[in-house]
């Protein structure tokens, strides 16, 4: 059988067509030293009631980002079939090996799931997970929400996001869903490298795709989890899967039009932030200094804004290295 149509070894222990609430696993065989016939067990919940749209809700695409896993675990516990019309598929820990390790990428194969699409059914563990989403779960979905935050190395103002894509009908639906989520900010996001992203895979299928960045620092807060909780509910109402009214929360619209939004570190050392998240800055403003950590008496390197706008992201740990993104400045549209 050709590679392109080879069966994925992942087996779902839930029936995607059955009405009601089911909690189970995506079972991926994984033979290893401490478990010859072992498996990676990816938790999944399916809630279905009759015919209607399908929402695919994911967290833990990167294993050190926690708003998605917390909010979706709560949803999986509380959502009942009689409250919806259609189907909700919940995967709180999408890259389960990375989530258990508390790392951005998988400890098994160093795979970054959000750079592994479309995946391979005969590839690494991460590639097999990507392939299952690409060929099994994404085709079922009408609406896809992937909840991210900054993990251990970035911190963000809390925003929902969509990308600028060539199909304007799909773009319009994504923007409407992004605004319905109701985060404090809504971002038309520019990716430095979109090849292999879950986002791109969904968008190329014409799915309505919304992502988030809800904080960072390798933890979550009461505020950011509350934004995720409300946003998930709003999106399900927006998709007419859940009854009720969207909780209005007017978002500040942001745009990342080009690479000038990113300030990249060209040194290594101790980071001193000179402006904080959510502050408005002007072109030329001092944003950060990087201090020499090998000797005293050395003048720090200064990094300045290349454009005016809102400081929406910053490097999180105190030590930085060459190539790290220090700051992101976005345009404020409304």
Protein backbone atom coordinates (compact mmCIF):
# COMPACT_ATOMS: atom_id res chain seq x y z
CA UNK A 1 0.00 0.00 0.00
CA UNK A 2 1.34 3.46 -0.87
CA UNK A 3 2.60 5.65 2.00
CA UNK A 4 0.02 8.32 1.17
CA UNK A 5 -2.87 6.00 2.03
CA UNK A 6 -1.25 3.82 4.69
CA UNK A 7 -3.39 3.40 7.80
CA UNK A 8 -2.43 5.36 10.88
CA UNK A 9 -1.77 3.04 13.86
CA UNK A 10 -3.73 5.30 16.26
CA UNK A 11 -7.01 3.72 17.38
CA UNK A 12 -9.75 5.75 19.05
CA UNK A 13 -11.54 4.11 21.99
CA UNK A 14 -14.53 6.41 21.41
CA UNK A 15 -17.19 6.27 18.69
CA UNK A 16 -17.34 9.65 16.97
CA UNK A 17 -20.85 8.94 15.65
CA UNK A 18 -22.47 7.89 18.93
CA UNK A 19 -24.74 10.29 20.80
CA UNK A 20 -23.95 11.12 24.40
CA UNK A 21 -20.74 11.80 26.33
CA UNK A 22 -17.71 9.55 25.91
CA UNK A 23 -14.32 9.77 27.60
CA UNK A 24 -11.56 7.68 26.08
CA UNK A 25 -8.21 7.72 24.35
CA UNK A 26 -6.40 7.97 21.07
CA UNK A 27 -4.18 4.90 21.54
CA UNK A 28 -0.84 5.09 19.71
CA UNK A 29 1.31 1.94 19.94
CA UNK A 30 4.83 2.84 21.08
CA UNK A 31 7.33 0.07 21.80
CA UNK A 32 10.14 1.19 24.09
CA UNK A 33 12.65 -0.10 26.62
CA UNK A 34 10.30 -0.02 29.61
CA UNK A 35 7.17 -1.20 27.76
CA UNK A 36 7.68 -3.50 24.79
CA UNK A 37 4.00 -3.45 23.82
CA UNK A 38 3.25 -0.02 25.26
CA UNK A 39 1.23 2.88 23.90
CA UNK A 40 0.95 6.65 24.11
CA UNK A 41 -2.56 7.28 25.48
CA UNK A 42 -3.97 10.66 24.39
CA UNK A 43 -7.14 11.56 26.35
CA UNK A 44 -10.16 12.56 24.27
CA UNK A 45 -13.79 13.43 25.02
CA UNK A 46 -16.59 13.38 22.45
CA UNK A 47 -19.96 14.98 23.21
CA UNK A 48 -22.63 14.50 20.53
CA UNK A 49 -26.31 15.22 20.19
CA UNK A 50 -27.88 14.61 16.77
CA UNK A 51 -26.95 16.42 13.61
CA UNK A 52 -25.13 19.73 13.56
CA UNK A 53 -21.70 21.35 13.31
CA UNK A 54 -18.57 19.81 14.82
CA UNK A 55 -16.13 21.80 16.96
CA UNK A 56 -12.62 20.40 17.48
CA UNK A 57 -11.08 21.93 20.62
CA UNK A 58 -7.41 21.33 21.41
CA UNK A 59 -4.87 22.28 24.04
CA UNK A 60 -1.37 21.08 24.82
CA UNK A 61 -0.16 21.35 21.22
CA UNK A 62 2.96 22.52 23.05
CA UNK A 63 3.46 20.77 26.35
CA UNK A 64 4.37 23.79 28.50
CA UNK A 65 1.24 25.85 27.78
CA UNK A 66 -1.52 25.37 30.33
CA UNK A 67 -4.63 27.48 29.73
CA UNK A 68 -5.89 25.04 27.09
CA UNK A 69 -5.37 21.88 29.16
CA UNK A 70 -7.01 23.45 32.22
CA UNK A 71 -10.03 24.94 30.43
CA UNK A 72 -10.64 21.90 28.21
CA UNK A 73 -10.31 19.46 31.11
CA UNK A 74 -13.03 21.44 32.88
CA UNK A 75 -15.20 21.46 29.76
CA UNK A 76 -14.80 17.70 29.30
CA UNK A 77 -16.03 17.20 32.86
CA UNK A 78 -19.05 19.51 32.64
CA UNK A 79 -20.40 19.52 29.06
CA UNK A 80 -23.51 17.36 28.65
CA UNK A 81 -25.04 16.17 25.39
CA UNK A 82 -28.49 17.67 25.98
CA UNK A 83 -26.94 21.16 26.09
CA UNK A 84 -25.60 21.00 22.55
CA UNK A 85 -26.74 20.38 18.99
CA UNK A 86 -24.00 18.76 16.96
CA UNK A 87 -20.65 17.46 18.19
CA UNK A 88 -17.75 18.68 20.31
CA UNK A 89 -14.41 16.84 20.21
CA UNK A 90 -12.10 17.78 23.09
CA UNK A 91 -8.38 16.92 23.17
CA UNK A 92 -6.84 18.78 26.15
CA UNK A 93 -3.32 17.30 25.83
CA UNK A 94 -2.75 17.10 22.07
CA UNK A 95 0.98 16.37 22.33
CA UNK A 96 0.61 14.14 25.38
CA UNK A 97 4.31 13.17 25.68
CA UNK A 98 5.36 16.84 25.67
CA UNK A 99 2.60 17.74 28.13
CA UNK A 100 3.67 15.06 30.62
CA UNK A 101 7.26 16.28 30.35
CA UNK A 102 6.29 19.96 30.68
CA UNK A 103 8.26 20.77 27.52
CA UNK A 104 7.43 22.53 24.27
CA UNK A 105 8.46 19.54 22.15
CA UNK A 106 8.15 15.80 22.63
CA UNK A 107 10.77 14.09 24.80
CA UNK A 108 10.36 10.97 22.64
CA UNK A 109 11.47 12.36 19.29
CA UNK A 110 12.05 16.12 19.86
CA UNK A 111 9.01 16.69 17.64
CA UNK A 112 7.30 20.08 17.63
CA UNK A 113 3.73 19.01 16.87
CA UNK A 114 2.84 22.46 15.57
CA UNK A 115 5.55 22.16 12.91
CA UNK A 116 4.87 18.50 11.97
CA UNK A 117 1.78 18.67 9.74
CA UNK A 118 0.61 16.94 7.62
CA UNK A 119 2.54 14.25 9.48
CA UNK A 120 3.19 10.66 8.45
CA UNK A 121 1.36 7.47 9.43
CA UNK A 122 4.71 5.62 9.42
CA UNK A 123 6.80 8.42 10.92
CA UNK A 124 7.83 9.37 14.43
CA UNK A 125 5.37 9.49 17.32
CA UNK A 126 4.82 13.21 16.75
CA UNK A 127 4.35 12.72 13.00
CA UNK A 128 1.79 9.96 13.64
CA UNK A 129 -0.20 12.26 15.95
CA UNK A 130 -0.14 15.00 13.29
CA UNK A 131 -1.23 12.55 10.60
CA UNK A 132 -4.19 11.39 12.71
CA UNK A 133 -5.39 14.93 13.18
CA UNK A 134 -4.75 15.72 9.51
CA UNK A 135 -6.61 12.74 8.04
CA UNK A 136 -9.15 11.80 10.73
CA UNK A 137 -10.08 14.63 13.11
CA UNK A 138 -9.73 17.79 10.98
CA UNK A 139 -11.97 16.45 8.19
CA UNK A 140 -14.77 15.99 10.77
CA UNK A 141 -14.55 19.57 12.02
CA UNK A 142 -16.32 22.75 10.97
CA UNK A 143 -14.72 24.92 13.67
CA UNK A 144 -11.25 24.39 15.17
CA UNK A 145 -9.93 26.12 18.29
CA UNK A 146 -6.30 25.57 19.33
CA UNK A 147 -5.50 27.20 22.68
CA UNK A 148 -1.91 28.39 23.07
CA UNK A 149 0.05 30.61 25.43
CA UNK A 150 3.72 31.54 25.61
CA UNK A 151 5.00 28.49 27.43
CA UNK A 152 8.22 28.83 29.40
CA UNK A 153 9.96 31.24 27.02
CA UNK A 154 7.37 33.88 26.05
CA UNK A 155 4.64 35.97 27.62
CA UNK A 156 1.74 37.60 25.73
CA UNK A 157 -1.09 40.01 26.25
CA UNK A 158 -4.12 37.68 26.03
CA UNK A 159 -5.43 37.50 22.48
CA UNK A 160 -7.41 35.32 20.10
CA UNK A 161 -5.93 35.15 16.63
CA UNK A 162 -6.54 34.34 13.00
CA UNK A 163 -4.27 34.48 9.99
CA UNK A 164 -4.59 36.41 6.77
CA UNK A 165 -5.31 33.71 4.18
CA UNK A 166 -5.98 33.80 0.46
CA UNK A 167 -9.55 32.42 0.60
CA UNK A 168 -11.47 35.50 1.70
CA UNK A 169 -14.63 33.59 2.64
CA UNK A 170 -12.62 31.41 5.02
CA UNK A 171 -10.79 34.50 6.25
CA UNK A 172 -14.07 36.27 7.02
CA UNK A 173 -15.41 33.29 8.99
CA UNK A 174 -12.16 33.04 10.95
CA UNK A 175 -12.22 36.75 11.84
CA UNK A 176 -15.84 36.51 12.98
CA UNK A 177 -15.01 33.51 15.18
CA UNK A 178 -11.92 35.26 16.55
CA UNK A 179 -14.00 38.26 17.60
CA UNK A 180 -16.73 36.02 19.04
CA UNK A 181 -14.14 34.39 21.32
CA UNK A 182 -14.02 37.72 23.12
CA UNK A 183 -10.43 37.90 24.38
CA UNK A 184 -9.17 41.33 25.47
CA UNK A 185 -7.22 41.52 22.18
CA UNK A 186 -7.81 40.06 18.71
CA UNK A 187 -4.77 39.58 16.48
CA UNK A 188 -4.31 39.20 12.73
CA UNK A 189 -1.19 37.18 13.29
CA UNK A 190 1.98 36.91 11.24
CA UNK A 191 3.98 33.70 11.68
CA UNK A 192 7.73 33.73 11.20
CA UNK A 193 7.42 30.21 9.76
CA UNK A 194 3.99 28.70 9.07
CA UNK A 195 5.25 25.53 7.33
CA UNK A 196 3.95 22.40 9.06
CA UNK A 197 1.55 24.23 11.37
CA UNK A 198 -1.76 22.78 12.58
CA UNK A 199 -3.24 26.18 11.75
CA UNK A 200 -2.16 25.94 8.11
CA UNK A 201 -3.44 22.37 7.79
CA UNK A 202 -6.90 23.40 9.00
CA UNK A 203 -7.02 26.58 6.91
CA UNK A 204 -6.03 24.74 3.74
CA UNK A 205 -9.07 22.49 4.28
CA UNK A 206 -11.29 25.56 4.53
CA UNK A 207 -11.97 25.08 8.24
CA UNK A 208 -12.77 28.03 10.50
CA UNK A 209 -9.65 28.16 12.65
CA UNK A 210 -9.01 30.26 15.76
CA UNK A 211 -5.84 30.20 17.85
CA UNK A 212 -4.98 31.99 21.06
CA UNK A 213 -2.01 33.28 23.01
CA UNK A 214 -3.30 33.78 26.53
CA UNK A 215 -0.27 34.48 28.69
CA UNK A 216 2.92 32.55 29.29
CA UNK A 217 5.78 31.87 31.62
CA UNK A 218 5.08 28.15 31.83
CA UNK A 219 1.98 28.47 34.01
CA UNK A 220 -1.55 29.84 33.93
CA UNK A 221 -3.44 32.41 35.98
CA UNK A 222 -7.00 32.78 37.18
CA UNK A 223 -7.45 35.60 34.67
CA UNK A 224 -6.15 33.72 31.63
CA UNK A 225 -8.09 30.54 32.43
CA UNK A 226 -11.25 32.64 32.83
CA UNK A 227 -10.61 34.17 29.37
CA UNK A 228 -10.27 30.64 27.95
CA UNK A 229 -13.43 29.40 29.70
CA UNK A 230 -15.53 32.31 28.44
CA UNK A 231 -14.00 32.18 24.96
CA UNK A 232 -14.74 28.47 24.47
CA UNK A 233 -18.35 28.99 25.49
CA UNK A 234 -18.66 32.01 23.20
CA UNK A 235 -17.27 30.08 20.24
CA UNK A 236 -19.65 27.15 20.75
CA UNK A 237 -22.56 29.61 20.87
CA UNK A 238 -21.21 31.40 17.79
CA UNK A 239 -21.13 28.05 15.95
CA UNK A 240 -24.74 27.32 17.03
CA UNK A 241 -23.62 24.19 18.86
CA UNK A 242 -24.46 25.59 22.29
CA UNK A 243 -27.55 27.66 23.06
CA UNK A 244 -27.27 31.04 24.70
CA UNK A 245 -25.90 34.50 24.10
CA UNK A 246 -22.29 35.36 23.41
CA UNK A 247 -20.84 37.24 26.40
CA UNK A 248 -19.90 40.51 24.77
CA UNK A 249 -16.34 41.60 25.40
CA UNK A 250 -15.09 44.09 22.85
CA UNK A 251 -11.61 43.15 21.70
CA UNK A 252 -8.87 45.59 20.75
CA UNK A 253 -8.00 44.66 17.16
CA UNK A 254 -4.29 44.19 16.48
CA UNK A 255 -2.27 43.48 13.34
CA UNK A 256 1.22 42.15 12.67
CA UNK A 257 1.83 43.38 9.11
CA UNK A 258 5.52 42.48 8.62
CA UNK A 259 8.79 41.33 10.19
CA UNK A 260 9.41 44.75 11.76
CA UNK A 261 7.05 43.64 14.52
CA UNK A 262 9.73 41.28 15.82
CA UNK A 263 12.81 42.40 17.77
CA UNK A 264 15.37 39.57 17.71
CA UNK A 265 18.26 39.21 20.11
CA UNK A 266 21.70 39.22 18.50
CA UNK A 267 23.61 38.60 21.73
CA UNK A 268 23.40 36.40 24.80
CA UNK A 269 23.18 37.54 28.39
CA UNK A 270 20.90 38.95 31.07
CA UNK A 271 17.65 40.51 29.84
CA UNK A 272 16.46 43.83 31.26
CA UNK A 273 12.99 44.73 29.99
CA UNK A 274 12.56 48.51 29.73
CA UNK A 275 8.87 48.46 28.73
CA UNK A 276 6.08 46.15 29.86
CA UNK A 277 3.41 44.09 28.12
CA UNK A 278 0.42 46.14 27.05
CA UNK A 279 2.32 49.44 26.85
CA UNK A 280 2.15 51.62 23.77
CA UNK A 281 5.59 52.36 22.32
CA UNK A 282 6.94 54.60 19.57
CA UNK A 283 9.51 53.80 16.92
CA UNK A 284 12.99 54.20 18.42
CA UNK A 285 11.88 53.67 22.02
CA UNK A 286 14.22 51.62 24.18
CA UNK A 287 12.56 48.24 24.77
CA UNK A 288 15.25 46.10 26.36
CA UNK A 289 18.91 45.82 27.29
CA UNK A 290 21.03 42.67 27.30
CA UNK A 291 23.81 42.72 29.91
CA UNK A 292 27.08 40.82 29.73
CA UNK A 293 27.08 37.94 32.25
CA UNK A 294 30.79 37.09 32.02
CA UNK A 295 32.27 40.29 33.39
CA UNK A 296 31.28 43.62 34.92
CA UNK A 297 32.01 47.02 33.42
CA UNK A 298 30.64 46.16 29.97
CA UNK A 299 28.02 48.45 28.43
CA UNK A 300 24.77 46.51 27.77
CA UNK A 301 23.39 46.13 24.25
CA UNK A 302 20.22 48.15 23.66
CA UNK A 303 17.25 47.03 21.57
CA UNK A 304 14.76 49.60 20.26
CA UNK A 305 11.34 49.50 18.63
CA UNK A 306 11.37 49.33 14.85
CA UNK A 307 7.76 50.54 14.69
CA UNK A 308 5.14 52.24 16.85
CA UNK A 309 2.36 50.16 18.39
CA UNK A 310 1.47 47.96 21.36
CA UNK A 311 3.99 45.71 23.10
CA UNK A 312 2.16 42.38 22.79
CA UNK A 313 4.85 39.77 23.54
CA UNK A 314 8.16 39.52 25.36
CA UNK A 315 10.80 36.92 26.12
CA UNK A 316 10.09 35.45 29.53
CA UNK A 317 13.16 34.03 31.31
CA UNK A 318 15.84 36.42 32.52
CA UNK A 319 18.58 34.89 30.37
CA UNK A 320 18.50 35.21 26.59
CA UNK A 321 20.55 33.87 23.71
CA UNK A 322 21.26 34.95 20.15
CA UNK A 323 18.20 34.36 17.99
CA UNK A 324 15.59 34.68 20.75
CA UNK A 325 12.60 36.93 20.09
CA UNK A 326 12.87 39.66 22.72
CA UNK A 327 9.76 41.71 21.96
CA UNK A 328 6.84 41.84 19.51
CA UNK A 329 5.15 45.16 18.71
CA UNK A 330 1.80 45.09 16.89
CA UNK A 331 -0.29 47.79 15.24
CA UNK A 332 -3.47 48.84 17.05
CA UNK A 333 -6.35 48.93 14.54
CA UNK A 334 -9.33 49.57 16.80
